[in-house]
Amino acid sequence: MQSSFVVEAELWKYQGPAAWYFVSLPRAVADQIRPHAPKVGFGSVRVQACIGQTHWKTSLFPDKSTGSYLLPVKADVRRRESLQEGAQVVLFLEL
């Protein structure tokens, strides 16, 4: 089973009261990650992520509306990599 992935996707901003930014994983990648999700809890998956030169530990969160996973991209990462909403990012994930 694959445990590392390279994804190209768009950075988007959650349109709610908090200014959260995410990358939605392609469904095909989510299908490969899903078997790694814990069988208890709400299905988040711990990962090490990398965009550009910035590495961090975080979790993927299941997105019921798309059947995929969301990766939160915190402000520090966006600042270091000069990312704005709508940017295409190349994301490296390690489970």
PDB file of N, CA and C in Angstrom:
ATOM      1  N   MET A   1       0.839  -1.174   0.000  1.00  0.00           N
ATOM      2  CA  MET A   1       0.000   0.000   0.000  1.00  0.00           C
ATOM      3  C   MET A   1       0.890   1.246   0.000  1.00  0.00           C
ATOM      4  N   GLN A   2       0.572   2.184  -0.860  1.00  0.00           N
ATOM      5  CA  GLN A   2       1.362   3.402  -0.994  1.00  0.00           C
ATOM      6  C   GLN A   2       1.233   4.271   0.258  1.00  0.00           C
ATOM      7  N   SER A   3       2.351   4.874   0.691  1.00  0.00           N
ATOM      8  CA  SER A   3       2.294   5.724   1.885  1.00  0.00           C
ATOM      9  C   SER A   3       2.828   7.127   1.630  1.00  0.00           C
ATOM     10  N   SER A   4       3.197   7.443   0.380  1.00  0.00           N
ATOM     11  CA  SER A   4       3.568   8.816   0.046  1.00  0.00           C
ATOM     12  C   SER A   4       2.896   9.200  -1.267  1.00  0.00           C
ATOM     13  N   PHE A   5       2.573  10.484  -1.375  1.00  0.00           N
ATOM     14  CA  PHE A   5       1.781  10.962  -2.509  1.00  0.00           C
ATOM     15  C   PHE A   5       2.253  12.351  -2.921  1.00  0.00           C
ATOM     16  N   VAL A   6       2.155  12.637  -4.203  1.00  0.00           N
ATOM     17  CA  VAL A   6       2.390  13.975  -4.731  1.00  0.00           C
ATOM     18  C   VAL A   6       1.086  14.418  -5.380  1.00  0.00           C
ATOM     19  N   VAL A   7       0.612  15.586  -4.987  1.00  0.00           N
ATOM     20  CA  VAL A   7      -0.682  16.083  -5.440  1.00  0.00           C
ATOM     21  C   VAL A   7      -0.508  17.516  -5.936  1.00  0.00           C
ATOM     22  N   GLU A   8      -1.134  17.836  -7.049  1.00  0.00           N
ATOM     23  CA  GLU A   8      -1.224  19.230  -7.480  1.00  0.00           C
ATOM     24  C   GLU A   8      -2.689  19.629  -7.373  1.00  0.00           C
ATOM     25  N   ALA A   9      -2.929  20.701  -6.617  1.00  0.00           N
ATOM     26  CA  ALA A   9      -4.309  21.120  -6.371  1.00  0.00           C
ATOM     27  C   ALA A   9      -4.344  22.605  -6.024  1.00  0.00           C
ATOM     28  N   GLU A  10      -5.545  23.135  -5.978  1.00  0.00           N
ATOM     29  CA  GLU A  10      -5.744  24.561  -5.714  1.00  0.00           C
ATOM     30  C   GLU A  10      -5.956  24.822  -4.219  1.00  0.00           C
ATOM     31  N   LEU A  11      -5.342  25.885  -3.732  1.00  0.00           N
ATOM     32  CA  LEU A  11      -5.558  26.343  -2.359  1.00  0.00           C
ATOM     33  C   LEU A  11      -6.855  27.152  -2.335  1.00  0.00           C
ATOM     34  N   TRP A  12      -7.752  26.815  -1.415  1.00  0.00           N
ATOM     35  CA  TRP A  12      -9.012  27.546  -1.331  1.00  0.00           C
ATOM     36  C   TRP A  12      -9.311  27.935   0.106  1.00  0.00           C
ATOM     37  N   LYS A  13     -10.126  28.983   0.240  1.00  0.00           N
ATOM     38  CA  LYS A  13     -10.481  29.532   1.555  1.00  0.00           C
ATOM     39  C   LYS A  13     -11.899  29.113   1.912  1.00  0.00           C
ATOM     40  N   TYR A  14     -12.050  28.616   3.123  1.00  0.00           N
ATOM     41  CA  TYR A  14     -13.359  28.259   3.661  1.00  0.00           C
ATOM     42  C   TYR A  14     -14.187  29.535   3.811  1.00  0.00           C
ATOM     43  N   GLN A  15     -15.393  29.520   3.302  1.00  0.00           N
ATOM     44  CA  GLN A  15     -16.248  30.709   3.343  1.00  0.00           C
ATOM     45  C   GLN A  15     -17.130  30.714   4.588  1.00  0.00           C
ATOM     46  N   GLY A  16     -16.501  30.656   5.747  1.00  0.00           N
ATOM     47  CA  GLY A  16     -17.212  30.689   7.010  1.00  0.00           C
ATOM     48  C   GLY A  16     -16.616  31.760   7.894  1.00  0.00           C
ATOM     49  N   PRO A  17     -16.971  31.748   9.171  1.00  0.00           N
ATOM     50  CA  PRO A  17     -16.500  32.793  10.079  1.00  0.00           C
ATOM     51  C   PRO A  17     -14.993  32.772  10.345  1.00  0.00           C
ATOM     52  N   ALA A  18     -14.349  31.638  10.173  1.00  0.00           N
ATOM     53  CA  ALA A  18     -12.904  31.541  10.399  1.00  0.00           C
ATOM     54  C   ALA A  18     -12.184  31.531   9.047  1.00  0.00           C
ATOM     55  N   ALA A  19     -10.979  32.032   9.022  1.00  0.00           N
ATOM     56  CA  ALA A  19     -10.210  32.118   7.774  1.00  0.00           C
ATOM     57  C   ALA A  19      -9.342  30.885   7.589  1.00  0.00           C
ATOM     58  N   TRP A  20      -9.964  29.726   7.402  1.00  0.00           N
ATOM     59  CA  TRP A  20      -9.238  28.485   7.165  1.00  0.00           C
ATOM     60  C   TRP A  20      -8.988  28.311   5.675  1.00  0.00           C
ATOM     61  N   TYR A  21      -7.805  27.795   5.356  1.00  0.00           N
ATOM     62  CA  TYR A  21      -7.441  27.503   3.966  1.00  0.00           C
ATOM     63  C   TYR A  21      -7.171  26.018   3.846  1.00  0.00           C
ATOM     64  N   PHE A  22      -7.554  25.460   2.701  1.00  0.00           N
ATOM     65  CA  PHE A  22      -7.429  24.021   2.491  1.00  0.00           C
ATOM     66  C   PHE A  22      -6.959  23.698   1.080  1.00  0.00           C
ATOM     67  N   VAL A  23      -6.465  22.485   0.938  1.00  0.00           N
ATOM     68  CA  VAL A  23      -6.257  21.844  -0.356  1.00  0.00           C
ATOM     69  C   VAL A  23      -7.131  20.593  -0.323  1.00  0.00           C
ATOM     70  N   SER A  24      -7.960  20.418  -1.337  1.00  0.00           N
ATOM     71  CA  SER A  24      -8.778  19.206  -1.467  1.00  0.00           C
ATOM     72  C   SER A  24      -7.995  18.183  -2.270  1.00  0.00           C
ATOM     73  N   LEU A  25      -7.877  16.995  -1.733  1.00  0.00           N
ATOM     74  CA  LEU A  25      -7.154  15.948  -2.450  1.00  0.00           C
ATOM     75  C   LEU A  25      -8.017  15.376  -3.570  1.00  0.00           C
ATOM     76  N   PRO A  26      -7.396  15.009  -4.682  1.00  0.00           N
ATOM     77  CA  PRO A  26      -8.158  14.324  -5.735  1.00  0.00           C
ATOM     78  C   PRO A  26      -8.757  13.029  -5.186  1.00  0.00           C
ATOM     79  N   ARG A  27      -9.904  12.676  -5.677  1.00  0.00           N
ATOM     80  CA  ARG A  27     -10.629  11.497  -5.190  1.00  0.00           C
ATOM     81  C   ARG A  27      -9.789  10.223  -5.317  1.00  0.00           C
ATOM     82  N   ALA A  28      -9.018  10.098  -6.408  1.00  0.00           N
ATOM     83  CA  ALA A  28      -8.196   8.897  -6.607  1.00  0.00           C
ATOM     84  C   ALA A  28      -7.149   8.755  -5.504  1.00  0.00           C
ATOM     85  N   VAL A  29      -6.588   9.869  -5.063  1.00  0.00           N
ATOM     86  CA  VAL A  29      -5.602   9.837  -3.971  1.00  0.00           C
ATOM     87  C   VAL A  29      -6.314   9.515  -2.660  1.00  0.00           C
ATOM     88  N   ALA A  30      -7.471  10.123  -2.436  1.00  0.00           N
ATOM     89  CA  ALA A  30      -8.244   9.844  -1.224  1.00  0.00           C
ATOM     90  C   ALA A  30      -8.579   8.359  -1.115  1.00  0.00           C
ATOM     91  N   ASP A  31      -8.903   7.740  -2.243  1.00  0.00           N
ATOM     92  CA  ASP A  31      -9.238   6.315  -2.238  1.00  0.00           C
ATOM     93  C   ASP A  31      -8.050   5.462  -1.809  1.00  0.00           C
ATOM     94  N   GLN A  32      -6.826   5.921  -2.100  1.00  0.00           N
ATOM     95  CA  GLN A  32      -5.628   5.187  -1.686  1.00  0.00           C
ATOM     96  C   GLN A  32      -5.290   5.436  -0.215  1.00  0.00           C
ATOM     97  N   ILE A  33      -5.674   6.591   0.287  1.00  0.00           N
ATOM     98  CA  ILE A  33      -5.381   6.953   1.682  1.00  0.00           C
ATOM     99  C   ILE A  33      -6.401   6.349   2.648  1.00  0.00           C
ATOM    100  N   ARG A  34      -7.636   6.242   2.221  1.00  0.00           N
ATOM    101  CA  ARG A  34      -8.737   5.797   3.094  1.00  0.00           C
ATOM    102  C   ARG A  34      -8.428   4.526   3.900  1.00  0.00           C
ATOM    103  N   PRO A  35      -7.774   3.512   3.330  1.00  0.00           N
ATOM    104  CA  PRO A  35      -7.473   2.313   4.130  1.00  0.00           C
ATOM    105  C   PRO A  35      -6.545   2.598   5.321  1.00  0.00           C
ATOM    106  N   HIS A  36      -5.830   3.724   5.292  1.00  0.00           N
ATOM    107  CA  HIS A  36      -4.934   4.083   6.391  1.00  0.00           C
ATOM    108  C   HIS A  36      -5.656   4.813   7.523  1.00  0.00           C
ATOM    109  N   ALA A  37      -6.905   5.219   7.280  1.00  0.00           N
ATOM    110  CA  ALA A  37      -7.659   5.970   8.289  1.00  0.00           C
ATOM    111  C   ALA A  37      -7.979   5.076   9.479  1.00  0.00           C
ATOM    112  N   PRO A  38      -7.887   5.634  10.687  1.00  0.00           N
ATOM    113  CA  PRO A  38      -8.236   4.843  11.867  1.00  0.00           C
ATOM    114  C   PRO A  38      -9.708   4.421  11.820  1.00  0.00           C
ATOM    115  N   LYS A  39      -9.986   3.288  12.407  1.00  0.00           N
ATOM    116  CA  LYS A  39     -11.356   2.761  12.408  1.00  0.00           C
ATOM    117  C   LYS A  39     -12.206   3.371  13.523  1.00  0.00           C
ATOM    118  N   VAL A  40     -11.580   4.164  14.382  1.00  0.00           N
ATOM    119  CA  VAL A  40     -12.317   4.867  15.434  1.00  0.00           C
ATOM    120  C   VAL A  40     -12.170   6.367  15.196  1.00  0.00           C
ATOM    121  N   GLY A  41     -13.028   7.145  15.838  1.00  0.00           N
ATOM    122  CA  GLY A  41     -12.964   8.592  15.648  1.00  0.00           C
ATOM    123  C   GLY A  41     -13.698   8.992  14.386  1.00  0.00           C
ATOM    124  N   PHE A  42     -13.341  10.167  13.857  1.00  0.00           N
ATOM    125  CA  PHE A  42     -14.064  10.665  12.693  1.00  0.00           C
ATOM    126  C   PHE A  42     -13.292  10.511  11.385  1.00  0.00           C
ATOM    127  N   GLY A  43     -12.186   9.753  11.403  1.00  0.00           N
ATOM    128  CA  GLY A  43     -11.511   9.403  10.167  1.00  0.00           C
ATOM    129  C   GLY A  43     -10.357  10.280   9.745  1.00  0.00           C
ATOM    130  N   SER A  44      -9.857  11.139  10.639  1.00  0.00           N
ATOM    131  CA  SER A  44      -8.701  11.954  10.265  1.00  0.00           C
ATOM    132  C   SER A  44      -7.463  11.065  10.149  1.00  0.00           C
ATOM    133  N   VAL A  45      -6.528  11.485   9.304  1.00  0.00           N
ATOM    134  CA  VAL A  45      -5.317  10.702   9.037  1.00  0.00           C
ATOM    135  C   VAL A  45      -4.112  11.614   9.265  1.00  0.00           C
ATOM    136  N   ARG A  46      -3.219  11.203  10.161  1.00  0.00           N
ATOM    137  CA  ARG A  46      -2.011  11.989  10.430  1.00  0.00           C
ATOM    138  C   ARG A  46      -1.045  11.881   9.251  1.00  0.00           C
ATOM    139  N   VAL A  47      -0.472  13.043   8.881  1.00  0.00           N
ATOM    140  CA  VAL A  47       0.461  13.085   7.760  1.00  0.00           C
ATOM    141  C   VAL A  47       1.587  14.072   8.036  1.00  0.00           C
ATOM    142  N   GLN A  48       2.652  13.923   7.278  1.00  0.00           N
ATOM    143  CA  GLN A  48       3.674  14.949   7.158  1.00  0.00           C
ATOM    144  C   GLN A  48       3.463  15.544   5.779  1.00  0.00           C
ATOM    145  N   ALA A  49       3.378  16.867   5.725  1.00  0.00           N
ATOM    146  CA  ALA A  49       3.089  17.553   4.472  1.00  0.00           C
ATOM    147  C   ALA A  49       4.250  18.461   4.102  1.00  0.00           C
ATOM    148  N   CYS A  50       4.371  18.740   2.817  1.00  0.00           N
ATOM    149  CA  CYS A  50       5.405  19.647   2.331  1.00  0.00           C
ATOM    150  C   CYS A  50       4.868  20.393   1.114  1.00  0.00           C
ATOM    151  N   ILE A  51       4.983  21.713   1.159  1.00  0.00           N
ATOM    152  CA  ILE A  51       4.742  22.576   0.001  1.00  0.00           C
ATOM    153  C   ILE A  51       5.985  23.432  -0.130  1.00  0.00           C
ATOM    154  N   GLY A  52       6.605  23.405  -1.287  1.00  0.00           N
ATOM    155  CA  GLY A  52       7.842  24.164  -1.481  1.00  0.00           C
ATOM    156  C   GLY A  52       8.914  23.672  -0.529  1.00  0.00           C
ATOM    157  N   GLN A  53       9.461  24.597   0.263  1.00  0.00           N
ATOM    158  CA  GLN A  53      10.501  24.259   1.236  1.00  0.00           C
ATOM    159  C   GLN A  53       9.950  24.088   2.648  1.00  0.00           C
ATOM    160  N   THR A  54       8.631  24.177   2.796  1.00  0.00           N
ATOM    161  CA  THR A  54       8.009  24.150   4.116  1.00  0.00           C
ATOM    162  C   THR A  54       7.410  22.772   4.410  1.00  0.00           C
ATOM    163  N   HIS A  55       7.870  22.179   5.512  1.00  0.00           N
ATOM    164  CA  HIS A  55       7.405  20.861   5.971  1.00  0.00           C
ATOM    165  C   HIS A  55       6.656  21.055   7.292  1.00  0.00           C
ATOM    166  N   TRP A  56       5.580  20.308   7.491  1.00  0.00           N
ATOM    167  CA  TRP A  56       4.878  20.355   8.761  1.00  0.00           C
ATOM    168  C   TRP A  56       4.079  19.077   8.975  1.00  0.00           C
ATOM    169  N   LYS A  57       3.749  18.825  10.248  1.00  0.00           N
ATOM    170  CA  LYS A  57       2.906  17.679  10.612  1.00  0.00           C
ATOM    171  C   LYS A  57       1.490  18.189  10.811  1.00  0.00           C
ATOM    172  N   THR A  58       0.529  17.434  10.302  1.00  0.00           N
ATOM    173  CA  THR A  58      -0.863  17.835  10.394  1.00  0.00           C
ATOM    174  C   THR A  58      -1.738  16.595  10.209  1.00  0.00           C
ATOM    175  N   SER A  59      -2.993  16.792   9.958  1.00  0.00           N
ATOM    176  CA  SER A  59      -3.919  15.696   9.672  1.00  0.00           C
ATOM    177  C   SER A  59      -4.764  16.044   8.467  1.00  0.00           C
ATOM    178  N   LEU A  60      -5.138  15.009   7.731  1.00  0.00           N
ATOM    179  CA  LEU A  60      -6.131  15.133   6.677  1.00  0.00           C
ATOM    180  C   LEU A  60      -7.485  14.902   7.315  1.00  0.00           C
ATOM    181  N   PHE A  61      -8.485  15.647   6.864  1.00  0.00           N
ATOM    182  CA  PHE A  61      -9.822  15.511   7.426  1.00  0.00           C
ATOM    183  C   PHE A  61     -10.786  15.056   6.339  1.00  0.00           C
ATOM    184  N   PRO A  62     -11.617  14.063   6.641  1.00  0.00           N
ATOM    185  CA  PRO A  62     -12.559  13.577   5.636  1.00  0.00           C
ATOM    186  C   PRO A  62     -13.554  14.672   5.256  1.00  0.00           C
ATOM    187  N   ASP A  63     -13.874  14.738   3.985  1.00  0.00           N
ATOM    188  CA  ASP A  63     -14.855  15.689   3.454  1.00  0.00           C
ATOM    189  C   ASP A  63     -16.029  14.884   2.907  1.00  0.00           C
ATOM    190  N   LYS A  64     -17.090  14.821   3.674  1.00  0.00           N
ATOM    191  CA  LYS A  64     -18.246  14.003   3.290  1.00  0.00           C
ATOM    192  C   LYS A  64     -18.898  14.479   1.999  1.00  0.00           C
ATOM    193  N   SER A  65     -18.820  15.785   1.715  1.00  0.00           N
ATOM    194  CA  SER A  65     -19.495  16.304   0.523  1.00  0.00           C
ATOM    195  C   SER A  65     -18.827  15.841  -0.772  1.00  0.00           C
ATOM    196  N   THR A  66     -17.523  15.559  -0.737  1.00  0.00           N
ATOM    197  CA  THR A  66     -16.821  15.130  -1.954  1.00  0.00           C
ATOM    198  C   THR A  66     -16.326  13.695  -1.881  1.00  0.00           C
ATOM    199  N   GLY A  67     -16.326  13.104  -0.690  1.00  0.00           N
ATOM    200  CA  GLY A  67     -15.785  11.761  -0.524  1.00  0.00           C
ATOM    201  C   GLY A  67     -14.268  11.747  -0.544  1.00  0.00           C
ATOM    202  N   SER A  68     -13.658  12.911  -0.337  1.00  0.00           N
ATOM    203  CA  SER A  68     -12.209  13.023  -0.373  1.00  0.00           C
ATOM    204  C   SER A  68     -11.687  13.445   0.998  1.00  0.00           C
ATOM    205  N   TYR A  69     -10.495  14.026   1.024  1.00  0.00           N
ATOM    206  CA  TYR A  69      -9.888  14.559   2.242  1.00  0.00           C
ATOM    207  C   TYR A  69      -9.476  16.000   2.017  1.00  0.00           C
ATOM    208  N   LEU A  70      -9.474  16.763   3.113  1.00  0.00           N
ATOM    209  CA  LEU A  70      -9.017  18.144   3.100  1.00  0.00           C
ATOM    210  C   LEU A  70      -7.738  18.248   3.906  1.00  0.00           C
ATOM    211  N   LEU A  71      -6.787  19.013   3.380  1.00  0.00           N
ATOM    212  CA  LEU A  71      -5.558  19.314   4.097  1.00  0.00           C
ATOM    213  C   LEU A  71      -5.599  20.784   4.488  1.00  0.00           C
ATOM    214  N   PRO A  72      -5.612  21.082   5.798  1.00  0.00           N
ATOM    215  CA  PRO A  72      -5.545  22.486   6.215  1.00  0.00           C
ATOM    216  C   PRO A  72      -4.136  23.029   5.970  1.00  0.00           C
ATOM    217  N   VAL A  73      -4.061  24.250   5.446  1.00  0.00           N
ATOM    218  CA  VAL A  73      -2.773  24.899   5.183  1.00  0.00           C
ATOM    219  C   VAL A  73      -2.720  26.137   6.068  1.00  0.00           C
ATOM    220  N   LYS A  74      -1.938  26.052   7.140  1.00  0.00           N
ATOM    221  CA  LYS A  74      -1.915  27.118   8.137  1.00  0.00           C
ATOM    222  C   LYS A  74      -1.227  28.374   7.616  1.00  0.00           C
ATOM    223  N   ALA A  75      -1.481  29.483   8.312  1.00  0.00           N
ATOM    224  CA  ALA A  75      -0.990  30.800   7.901  1.00  0.00           C
ATOM    225  C   ALA A  75       0.526  30.822   7.756  1.00  0.00           C
ATOM    226  N   ASP A  76       1.240  30.171   8.659  1.00  0.00           N
ATOM    227  CA  ASP A  76       2.696  30.172   8.592  1.00  0.00           C
ATOM    228  C   ASP A  76       3.196  29.564   7.282  1.00  0.00           C
ATOM    229  N   VAL A  77       2.575  28.480   6.847  1.00  0.00           N
ATOM    230  CA  VAL A  77       2.961  27.837   5.589  1.00  0.00           C
ATOM    231  C   VAL A  77       2.636  28.768   4.424  1.00  0.00           C
ATOM    232  N   ARG A  78       1.456  29.357   4.427  1.00  0.00           N
ATOM    233  CA  ARG A  78       1.069  30.264   3.344  1.00  0.00           C
ATOM    234  C   ARG A  78       2.017  31.464   3.272  1.00  0.00           C
ATOM    235  N   ARG A  79       2.392  31.982   4.403  1.00  0.00           N
ATOM    236  CA  ARG A  79       3.301  33.129   4.452  1.00  0.00           C
ATOM    237  C   ARG A  79       4.685  32.741   3.924  1.00  0.00           C
ATOM    238  N   ARG A  80       5.236  31.632   4.418  1.00  0.00           N
ATOM    239  CA  ARG A  80       6.571  31.184   3.981  1.00  0.00           C
ATOM    240  C   ARG A  80       6.640  30.916   2.482  1.00  0.00           C
ATOM    241  N   GLU A  81       5.557  30.396   1.933  1.00  0.00           N
ATOM    242  CA  GLU A  81       5.539  30.020   0.519  1.00  0.00           C
ATOM    243  C   GLU A  81       4.840  31.057  -0.370  1.00  0.00           C
ATOM    244  N   SER A  82       4.475  32.204   0.221  1.00  0.00           N
ATOM    245  CA  SER A  82       3.804  33.294  -0.513  1.00  0.00           C
ATOM    246  C   SER A  82       2.574  32.791  -1.269  1.00  0.00           C
ATOM    247  N   LEU A  83       1.707  32.067  -0.571  1.00  0.00           N
ATOM    248  CA  LEU A  83       0.517  31.480  -1.186  1.00  0.00           C
ATOM    249  C   LEU A  83      -0.714  32.330  -0.924  1.00  0.00           C
ATOM    250  N   GLN A  84      -1.503  32.496  -1.949  1.00  0.00           N
ATOM    251  CA  GLN A  84      -2.783  33.188  -1.867  1.00  0.00           C
ATOM    252  C   GLN A  84      -3.884  32.223  -2.287  1.00  0.00           C
ATOM    253  N   GLU A  85      -5.113  32.553  -1.922  1.00  0.00           N
ATOM    254  CA  GLU A  85      -6.257  31.759  -2.355  1.00  0.00           C
ATOM    255  C   GLU A  85      -6.232  31.610  -3.880  1.00  0.00           C
ATOM    256  N   GLY A  86      -6.477  30.407  -4.353  1.00  0.00           N
ATOM    257  CA  GLY A  86      -6.493  30.140  -5.786  1.00  0.00           C
ATOM    258  C   GLY A  86      -5.160  29.661  -6.340  1.00  0.00           C
ATOM    259  N   ALA A  87      -4.104  29.701  -5.522  1.00  0.00           N
ATOM    260  CA  ALA A  87      -2.790  29.252  -5.982  1.00  0.00           C
ATOM    261  C   ALA A  87      -2.808  27.754  -6.243  1.00  0.00           C
ATOM    262  N   GLN A  88      -2.150  27.325  -7.317  1.00  0.00           N
ATOM    263  CA  GLN A  88      -1.934  25.906  -7.579  1.00  0.00           C
ATOM    264  C   GLN A  88      -0.693  25.501  -6.794  1.00  0.00           C
ATOM    265  N   VAL A  89      -0.811  24.476  -5.972  1.00  0.00           N
ATOM    266  CA  VAL A  89       0.318  24.028  -5.157  1.00  0.00           C
ATOM    267  C   VAL A  89       0.654  22.578  -5.499  1.00  0.00           C
ATOM    268  N   VAL A  90       1.930  22.274  -5.349  1.00  0.00           N
ATOM    269  CA  VAL A  90       2.379  20.884  -5.430  1.00  0.00           C
ATOM    270  C   VAL A  90       2.617  20.459  -3.990  1.00  0.00           C
ATOM    271  N   LEU A  91       1.899  19.457  -3.568  1.00  0.00           N
ATOM    272  CA  LEU A  91       1.879  19.008  -2.188  1.00  0.00           C
ATOM    273  C   LEU A  91       2.465  17.609  -2.099  1.00  0.00           C
ATOM    274  N   PHE A  92       3.401  17.418  -1.203  1.00  0.00           N
ATOM    275  CA  PHE A  92       3.966  16.095  -0.916  1.00  0.00           C
ATOM    276  C   PHE A  92       3.397  15.639   0.417  1.00  0.00           C
ATOM    277  N   LEU A  93       2.861  14.435   0.458  1.00  0.00           N
ATOM    278  CA  LEU A  93       2.269  13.872   1.677  1.00  0.00           C
ATOM    279  C   LEU A  93       2.951  12.551   2.013  1.00  0.00           C
ATOM    280  N   GLU A  94       3.222  12.367   3.283  1.00  0.00           N
ATOM    281  CA  GLU A  94       3.772  11.102   3.791  1.00  0.00           C
ATOM    282  C   GLU A  94       2.875  10.666   4.956  1.00  0.00           C
ATOM    283  N   LEU A  95       2.335   9.449   4.862  1.00  0.00           N
ATOM    284  CA  LEU A  95       1.468   8.948   5.930  1.00  0.00           C
ATOM    285  C   LEU A  95       2.306   8.406   7.072  1.00  0.00           C
TER     286      LEU A  95
END
